[in-house]
């Protein structure tokens, strides 16, 4: 994640894919694909939670695959 901190806002503003977590209905995962990160081509995932009033970032990480869950964006 070193060097990708500024990209967290980009992922939230312009995600490629957004999914609701299968295990935590309050968690939403925002994904954007990045080529040539320090660990290769990866998805940057930003996990958020909301209580209906406030939203916050839980974590962000690089991953090879998008997790399963209800697809919220793009709408098929």
PDB file of N, CA and C in Angstrom:
ATOM      1  N   UNK A   1       0.805  -1.202   0.000  1.00  0.00           N
ATOM      2  CA  UNK A   1       0.000   0.000   0.000  1.00  0.00           C
ATOM      3  C   UNK A   1       0.848   1.267   0.000  1.00  0.00           C
ATOM      4  N   UNK A   2       2.129   1.134   0.242  1.00  0.00           N
ATOM      5  CA  UNK A   2       2.979   2.322   0.232  1.00  0.00           C
ATOM      6  C   UNK A   2       2.914   2.959  -1.150  1.00  0.00           C
ATOM      7  N   UNK A   3       2.623   4.252  -1.172  1.00  0.00           N
ATOM      8  CA  UNK A   3       2.514   4.977  -2.423  1.00  0.00           C
ATOM      9  C   UNK A   3       1.115   4.998  -3.007  1.00  0.00           C
ATOM     10  N   UNK A   4       0.190   4.249  -2.426  1.00  0.00           N
ATOM     11  CA  UNK A   4      -1.187   4.206  -2.939  1.00  0.00           C
ATOM     12  C   UNK A   4      -2.184   4.907  -2.018  1.00  0.00           C
ATOM     13  N   UNK A   5      -1.698   5.537  -0.966  1.00  0.00           N
ATOM     14  CA  UNK A   5      -2.610   6.174  -0.008  1.00  0.00           C
ATOM     15  C   UNK A   5      -3.537   7.185  -0.685  1.00  0.00           C
ATOM     16  N   UNK A   6      -3.012   7.972  -1.596  1.00  0.00           N
ATOM     17  CA  UNK A   6      -3.828   8.984  -2.281  1.00  0.00           C
ATOM     18  C   UNK A   6      -4.881   8.356  -3.180  1.00  0.00           C
ATOM     19  N   UNK A   7      -4.671   7.111  -3.567  1.00  0.00           N
ATOM     20  CA  UNK A   7      -5.607   6.432  -4.465  1.00  0.00           C
ATOM     21  C   UNK A   7      -6.880   5.980  -3.752  1.00  0.00           C
ATOM     22  N   UNK A   8      -6.880   5.970  -2.439  1.00  0.00           N
ATOM     23  CA  UNK A   8      -8.078   5.551  -1.697  1.00  0.00           C
ATOM     24  C   UNK A   8      -9.262   6.443  -2.064  1.00  0.00           C
ATOM     25  N   UNK A   9      -9.051   7.734  -2.123  1.00  0.00           N
ATOM     26  CA  UNK A   9     -10.119   8.653  -2.522  1.00  0.00           C
ATOM     27  C   UNK A   9     -10.566   8.437  -3.955  1.00  0.00           C
ATOM     28  N   UNK A  10      -9.616   8.106  -4.834  1.00  0.00           N
ATOM     29  CA  UNK A  10      -9.949   7.829  -6.236  1.00  0.00           C
ATOM     30  C   UNK A  10     -10.854   6.610  -6.324  1.00  0.00           C
ATOM     31  N   UNK A  11     -10.525   5.575  -5.565  1.00  0.00           N
ATOM     32  CA  UNK A  11     -11.343   4.354  -5.574  1.00  0.00           C
ATOM     33  C   UNK A  11     -12.760   4.667  -5.106  1.00  0.00           C
ATOM     34  N   UNK A  12     -12.890   5.467  -4.068  1.00  0.00           N
ATOM     35  CA  UNK A  12     -14.223   5.806  -3.558  1.00  0.00           C
ATOM     36  C   UNK A  12     -14.996   6.698  -4.532  1.00  0.00           C
ATOM     37  N   UNK A  13     -14.305   7.602  -5.222  1.00  0.00           N
ATOM     38  CA  UNK A  13     -14.955   8.517  -6.167  1.00  0.00           C
ATOM     39  C   UNK A  13     -15.285   7.863  -7.505  1.00  0.00           C
ATOM     40  N   UNK A  14     -14.432   6.947  -7.960  1.00  0.00           N
ATOM     41  CA  UNK A  14     -14.592   6.366  -9.300  1.00  0.00           C
ATOM     42  C   UNK A  14     -14.233   4.882  -9.293  1.00  0.00           C
ATOM     43  N   UNK A  15     -15.023   4.063  -8.594  1.00  0.00           N
ATOM     44  CA  UNK A  15     -14.719   2.632  -8.532  1.00  0.00           C
ATOM     45  C   UNK A  15     -15.038   1.932  -9.853  1.00  0.00           C
ATOM     46  N   UNK A  16     -14.361   0.810 -10.094  1.00  0.00           N
ATOM     47  CA  UNK A  16     -14.711  -0.056 -11.222  1.00  0.00           C
ATOM     48  C   UNK A  16     -15.858  -0.980 -10.829  1.00  0.00           C
ATOM     49  N   UNK A  17     -15.839  -1.422  -9.576  1.00  0.00           N
ATOM     50  CA  UNK A  17     -16.834  -2.372  -9.059  1.00  0.00           C
ATOM     51  C   UNK A  17     -17.124  -2.016  -7.608  1.00  0.00           C
ATOM     52  N   UNK A  18     -18.397  -2.156  -7.203  1.00  0.00           N
ATOM     53  CA  UNK A  18     -18.782  -1.985  -5.799  1.00  0.00           C
ATOM     54  C   UNK A  18     -19.629  -3.185  -5.416  1.00  0.00           C
ATOM     55  N   UNK A  19     -19.277  -3.823  -4.299  1.00  0.00           N
ATOM     56  CA  UNK A  19     -20.023  -4.986  -3.818  1.00  0.00           C
ATOM     57  C   UNK A  19     -20.335  -4.845  -2.336  1.00  0.00           C
ATOM     58  N   UNK A  20     -21.503  -5.397  -1.950  1.00  0.00           N
ATOM     59  CA  UNK A  20     -21.851  -5.487  -0.532  1.00  0.00           C
ATOM     60  C   UNK A  20     -21.236  -6.783   0.003  1.00  0.00           C
ATOM     61  N   UNK A  21     -20.695  -6.752   1.187  1.00  0.00           N
ATOM     62  CA  UNK A  21     -20.093  -7.931   1.803  1.00  0.00           C
ATOM     63  C   UNK A  21     -21.139  -9.021   2.017  1.00  0.00           C
ATOM     64  N   UNK A  22     -20.740 -10.265   1.780  1.00  0.00           N
ATOM     65  CA  UNK A  22     -21.643 -11.396   2.037  1.00  0.00           C
ATOM     66  C   UNK A  22     -21.803 -11.650   3.530  1.00  0.00           C
ATOM     67  N   UNK A  23     -20.785 -11.342   4.309  1.00  0.00           N
ATOM     68  CA  UNK A  23     -20.803 -11.680   5.733  1.00  0.00           C
ATOM     69  C   UNK A  23     -21.196 -10.522   6.638  1.00  0.00           C
ATOM     70  N   UNK A  24     -21.088  -9.295   6.148  1.00  0.00           N
ATOM     71  CA  UNK A  24     -21.433  -8.110   6.944  1.00  0.00           C
ATOM     72  C   UNK A  24     -22.228  -7.167   6.056  1.00  0.00           C
ATOM     73  N   UNK A  25     -23.534  -7.178   6.183  1.00  0.00           N
ATOM     74  CA  UNK A  25     -24.416  -6.396   5.307  1.00  0.00           C
ATOM     75  C   UNK A  25     -24.155  -4.895   5.397  1.00  0.00           C
ATOM     76  N   UNK A  26     -23.500  -4.453   6.448  1.00  0.00           N
ATOM     77  CA  UNK A  26     -23.184  -3.034   6.586  1.00  0.00           C
ATOM     78  C   UNK A  26     -21.891  -2.627   5.905  1.00  0.00           C
ATOM     79  N   UNK A  27     -21.134  -3.606   5.417  1.00  0.00           N
ATOM     80  CA  UNK A  27     -19.847  -3.321   4.781  1.00  0.00           C
ATOM     81  C   UNK A  27     -19.997  -3.291   3.262  1.00  0.00           C
ATOM     82  N   UNK A  28     -19.399  -2.284   2.649  1.00  0.00           N
ATOM     83  CA  UNK A  28     -19.408  -2.145   1.192  1.00  0.00           C
ATOM     84  C   UNK A  28     -17.957  -2.077   0.729  1.00  0.00           C
ATOM     85  N   UNK A  29     -17.638  -2.858  -0.319  1.00  0.00           N
ATOM     86  CA  UNK A  29     -16.278  -2.956  -0.836  1.00  0.00           C
ATOM     87  C   UNK A  29     -16.195  -2.255  -2.187  1.00  0.00           C
ATOM     88  N   UNK A  30     -15.323  -1.266  -2.289  1.00  0.00           N
ATOM     89  CA  UNK A  30     -15.096  -0.505  -3.515  1.00  0.00           C
ATOM     90  C   UNK A  30     -13.792  -1.001  -4.136  1.00  0.00           C
ATOM     91  N   UNK A  31     -13.812  -1.320  -5.431  1.00  0.00           N
ATOM     92  CA  UNK A  31     -12.638  -1.858  -6.118  1.00  0.00           C
ATOM     93  C   UNK A  31     -12.265  -1.008  -7.327  1.00  0.00           C
ATOM     94  N   UNK A  32     -10.968  -0.869  -7.535  1.00  0.00           N
ATOM     95  CA  UNK A  32     -10.445  -0.245  -8.756  1.00  0.00           C
ATOM     96  C   UNK A  32      -9.163  -0.990  -9.119  1.00  0.00           C
ATOM     97  N   UNK A  33      -8.998  -1.272 -10.416  1.00  0.00           N
ATOM     98  CA  UNK A  33      -7.856  -2.054 -10.887  1.00  0.00           C
ATOM     99  C   UNK A  33      -6.653  -1.156 -11.165  1.00  0.00           C
ATOM    100  N   UNK A  34      -5.491  -1.587 -10.684  1.00  0.00           N
ATOM    101  CA  UNK A  34      -4.242  -0.852 -10.899  1.00  0.00           C
ATOM    102  C   UNK A  34      -3.204  -1.778 -11.510  1.00  0.00           C
ATOM    103  N   UNK A  35      -2.583  -1.293 -12.569  1.00  0.00           N
ATOM    104  CA  UNK A  35      -1.503  -2.041 -13.217  1.00  0.00           C
ATOM    105  C   UNK A  35      -0.161  -1.595 -12.639  1.00  0.00           C
ATOM    106  N   UNK A  36       0.734  -2.541 -12.553  1.00  0.00           N
ATOM    107  CA  UNK A  36       2.125  -2.267 -12.180  1.00  0.00           C
ATOM    108  C   UNK A  36       2.275  -1.621 -10.804  1.00  0.00           C
ATOM    109  N   UNK A  37       1.547  -2.138  -9.805  1.00  0.00           N
ATOM    110  CA  UNK A  37       1.826  -1.715  -8.431  1.00  0.00           C
ATOM    111  C   UNK A  37       3.149  -2.352  -8.023  1.00  0.00           C
ATOM    112  N   UNK A  38       3.611  -2.090  -6.845  1.00  0.00           N
ATOM    113  CA  UNK A  38       4.882  -2.673  -6.388  1.00  0.00           C
ATOM    114  C   UNK A  38       4.807  -4.191  -6.263  1.00  0.00           C
ATOM    115  N   UNK A  39       3.581  -4.736  -6.262  1.00  0.00           N
ATOM    116  CA  UNK A  39       3.395  -6.193  -6.175  1.00  0.00           C
ATOM    117  C   UNK A  39       2.660  -6.735  -7.400  1.00  0.00           C
ATOM    118  N   UNK A  40       2.710  -6.007  -8.504  1.00  0.00           N
ATOM    119  CA  UNK A  40       2.094  -6.459  -9.753  1.00  0.00           C
ATOM    120  C   UNK A  40       0.732  -5.825  -9.979  1.00  0.00           C
ATOM    121  N   UNK A  41       0.007  -6.359 -10.963  1.00  0.00           N
ATOM    122  CA  UNK A  41      -1.330  -5.870 -11.292  1.00  0.00           C
ATOM    123  C   UNK A  41      -2.305  -6.346 -10.221  1.00  0.00           C
ATOM    124  N   UNK A  42      -3.011  -5.415  -9.585  1.00  0.00           N
ATOM    125  CA  UNK A  42      -3.892  -5.755  -8.457  1.00  0.00           C
ATOM    126  C   UNK A  42      -5.126  -4.870  -8.443  1.00  0.00           C
ATOM    127  N   UNK A  43      -6.133  -5.328  -7.727  1.00  0.00           N
ATOM    128  CA  UNK A  43      -7.305  -4.526  -7.380  1.00  0.00           C
ATOM    129  C   UNK A  43      -7.013  -3.843  -6.054  1.00  0.00           C
ATOM    130  N   UNK A  44      -7.297  -2.551  -5.977  1.00  0.00           N
ATOM    131  CA  UNK A  44      -7.246  -1.856  -4.693  1.00  0.00           C
ATOM    132  C   UNK A  44      -8.664  -1.885  -4.142  1.00  0.00           C
ATOM    133  N   UNK A  45      -8.834  -2.486  -2.980  1.00  0.00           N
ATOM    134  CA  UNK A  45     -10.141  -2.604  -2.337  1.00  0.00           C
ATOM    135  C   UNK A  45     -10.184  -1.675  -1.129  1.00  0.00           C
ATOM    136  N   UNK A  46     -11.232  -0.852  -1.068  1.00  0.00           N
ATOM    137  CA  UNK A  46     -11.463   0.021   0.082  1.00  0.00           C
ATOM    138  C   UNK A  46     -12.778  -0.423   0.710  1.00  0.00           C
ATOM    139  N   UNK A  47     -12.707  -0.852   1.967  1.00  0.00           N
ATOM    140  CA  UNK A  47     -13.883  -1.355   2.678  1.00  0.00           C
ATOM    141  C   UNK A  47     -14.447  -0.235   3.540  1.00  0.00           C
ATOM    142  N   UNK A  48     -15.747   0.021   3.384  1.00  0.00           N
ATOM    143  CA  UNK A  48     -16.419   1.057   4.167  1.00  0.00           C
ATOM    144  C   UNK A  48     -17.570   0.448   4.955  1.00  0.00           C
ATOM    145  N   UNK A  49     -17.957   1.136   6.013  1.00  0.00           N
ATOM    146  CA  UNK A  49     -19.146   0.766   6.787  1.00  0.00           C
ATOM    147  C   UNK A  49     -19.946   2.029   7.047  1.00  0.00           C
ATOM    148  N   UNK A  50     -21.251   1.843   7.190  1.00  0.00           N
ATOM    149  CA  UNK A  50     -22.127   2.971   7.468  1.00  0.00           C
ATOM    150  C   UNK A  50     -23.200   2.528   8.442  1.00  0.00           C
ATOM    151  N   UNK A  51     -23.555   3.427   9.359  1.00  0.00           N
ATOM    152  CA  UNK A  51     -24.659   3.142  10.277  1.00  0.00           C
ATOM    153  C   UNK A  51     -25.917   3.892   9.844  1.00  0.00           C
ATOM    154  N   UNK A  52     -25.888   4.449   8.623  1.00  0.00           N
ATOM    155  CA  UNK A  52     -27.014   5.216   8.120  1.00  0.00           C
ATOM    156  C   UNK A  52     -26.863   6.707   8.351  1.00  0.00           C
ATOM    157  N   UNK A  53     -26.012   7.072   9.287  1.00  0.00           N
ATOM    158  CA  UNK A  53     -25.763   8.484   9.577  1.00  0.00           C
ATOM    159  C   UNK A  53     -24.341   8.858   9.164  1.00  0.00           C
ATOM    160  N   UNK A  54     -23.394   8.039   9.586  1.00  0.00           N
ATOM    161  CA  UNK A  54     -21.992   8.283   9.273  1.00  0.00           C
ATOM    162  C   UNK A  54     -21.421   7.084   8.532  1.00  0.00           C
ATOM    163  N   UNK A  55     -20.445   7.364   7.684  1.00  0.00           N
ATOM    164  CA  UNK A  55     -19.721   6.303   6.989  1.00  0.00           C
ATOM    165  C   UNK A  55     -18.238   6.474   7.290  1.00  0.00           C
ATOM    166  N   UNK A  56     -17.520   5.359   7.313  1.00  0.00           N
ATOM    167  CA  UNK A  56     -16.090   5.432   7.569  1.00  0.00           C
ATOM    168  C   UNK A  56     -15.378   4.305   6.848  1.00  0.00           C
ATOM    169  N   UNK A  57     -14.084   4.487   6.632  1.00  0.00           N
ATOM    170  CA  UNK A  57     -13.250   3.470   5.997  1.00  0.00           C
ATOM    171  C   UNK A  57     -12.780   2.505   7.071  1.00  0.00           C
ATOM    172  N   UNK A  58     -12.979   1.215   6.811  1.00  0.00           N
ATOM    173  CA  UNK A  58     -12.527   0.171   7.734  1.00  0.00           C
ATOM    174  C   UNK A  58     -11.082  -0.198   7.426  1.00  0.00           C
ATOM    175  N   UNK A  59     -10.796  -0.444   6.142  1.00  0.00           N
ATOM    176  CA  UNK A  59      -9.458  -0.846   5.722  1.00  0.00           C
ATOM    177  C   UNK A  59      -9.334  -0.686   4.219  1.00  0.00           C
ATOM    178  N   UNK A  60      -8.120  -0.808   3.730  1.00  0.00           N
ATOM    179  CA  UNK A  60      -7.850  -0.823   2.294  1.00  0.00           C
ATOM    180  C   UNK A  60      -6.711  -1.811   2.062  1.00  0.00           C
ATOM    181  N   UNK A  61      -6.805  -2.548   0.950  1.00  0.00           N
ATOM    182  CA  UNK A  61      -5.783  -3.556   0.671  1.00  0.00           C
ATOM    183  C   UNK A  61      -5.744  -3.873  -0.815  1.00  0.00           C
ATOM    184  N   UNK A  62      -4.637  -4.460  -1.253  1.00  0.00           N
ATOM    185  CA  UNK A  62      -4.490  -4.933  -2.626  1.00  0.00           C
ATOM    186  C   UNK A  62      -4.857  -6.407  -2.683  1.00  0.00           C
ATOM    187  N   UNK A  63      -5.521  -6.817  -3.770  1.00  0.00           N
ATOM    188  CA  UNK A  63      -5.950  -8.201  -3.902  1.00  0.00           C
ATOM    189  C   UNK A  63      -5.936  -8.625  -5.365  1.00  0.00           C
ATOM    190  N   UNK A  64      -5.831  -9.939  -5.581  1.00  0.00           N
ATOM    191  CA  UNK A  64      -5.869 -10.493  -6.935  1.00  0.00           C
ATOM    192  C   UNK A  64      -7.287 -10.630  -7.465  1.00  0.00           C
ATOM    193  N   UNK A  65      -8.245 -10.837  -6.551  1.00  0.00           N
ATOM    194  CA  UNK A  65      -9.616 -11.146  -6.955  1.00  0.00           C
ATOM    195  C   UNK A  65     -10.621 -10.284  -6.209  1.00  0.00           C
ATOM    196  N   UNK A  66     -11.749 -10.056  -6.876  1.00  0.00           N
ATOM    197  CA  UNK A  66     -12.870  -9.365  -6.247  1.00  0.00           C
ATOM    198  C   UNK A  66     -13.661 -10.392  -5.446  1.00  0.00           C
ATOM    199  N   UNK A  67     -14.016 -10.052  -4.221  1.00  0.00           N
ATOM    200  CA  UNK A  67     -14.788 -10.963  -3.376  1.00  0.00           C
ATOM    201  C   UNK A  67     -16.219 -11.081  -3.881  1.00  0.00           C
ATOM    202  N   UNK A  68     -16.833 -12.220  -3.562  1.00  0.00           N
ATOM    203  CA  UNK A  68     -18.234 -12.418  -3.913  1.00  0.00           C
ATOM    204  C   UNK A  68     -19.094 -11.523  -3.042  1.00  0.00           C
ATOM    205  N   UNK A  69     -20.280 -11.232  -3.529  1.00  0.00           N
ATOM    206  CA  UNK A  69     -21.217 -10.395  -2.795  1.00  0.00           C
ATOM    207  C   UNK A  69     -22.165  -9.734  -3.773  1.00  0.00           C
ATOM    208  N   UNK A  70     -23.173  -9.083  -3.241  1.00  0.00           N
ATOM    209  CA  UNK A  70     -24.155  -8.402  -4.083  1.00  0.00           C
ATOM    210  C   UNK A  70     -23.478  -7.254  -4.828  1.00  0.00           C
ATOM    211  N   UNK A  71     -23.584  -7.267  -6.157  1.00  0.00           N
ATOM    212  CA  UNK A  71     -22.961  -6.215  -6.948  1.00  0.00           C
ATOM    213  C   UNK A  71     -23.845  -4.977  -6.937  1.00  0.00           C
ATOM    214  N   UNK A  72     -23.285  -3.874  -6.453  1.00  0.00           N
ATOM    215  CA  UNK A  72     -24.006  -2.606  -6.381  1.00  0.00           C
ATOM    216  C   UNK A  72     -23.654  -1.677  -7.537  1.00  0.00           C
ATOM    217  N   UNK A  73     -22.446  -1.844  -8.089  1.00  0.00           N
ATOM    218  CA  UNK A  73     -21.989  -1.033  -9.210  1.00  0.00           C
ATOM    219  C   UNK A  73     -20.955  -1.806  -9.991  1.00  0.00           C
ATOM    220  N   UNK A  74     -20.896  -1.830 -11.282  1.00  0.00           N
ATOM    221  CA  UNK A  74     -21.907  -1.220 -12.138  1.00  0.00           C
ATOM    222  C   UNK A  74     -23.189  -2.031 -12.113  1.00  0.00           C
ATOM    223  N   UNK A  75     -24.280  -1.378 -12.383  1.00  0.00           N
ATOM    224  CA  UNK A  75     -25.577  -2.053 -12.391  1.00  0.00           C
ATOM    225  C   UNK A  75     -25.703  -2.797 -13.710  1.00  0.00           C
ATOM    226  N   UNK A  76     -25.922  -4.098 -13.604  1.00  0.00           N
ATOM    227  CA  UNK A  76     -26.006  -4.950 -14.807  1.00  0.00           C
ATOM    228  C   UNK A  76     -27.329  -4.794 -15.516  1.00  0.00           C
TER     229      UNK A  76
END
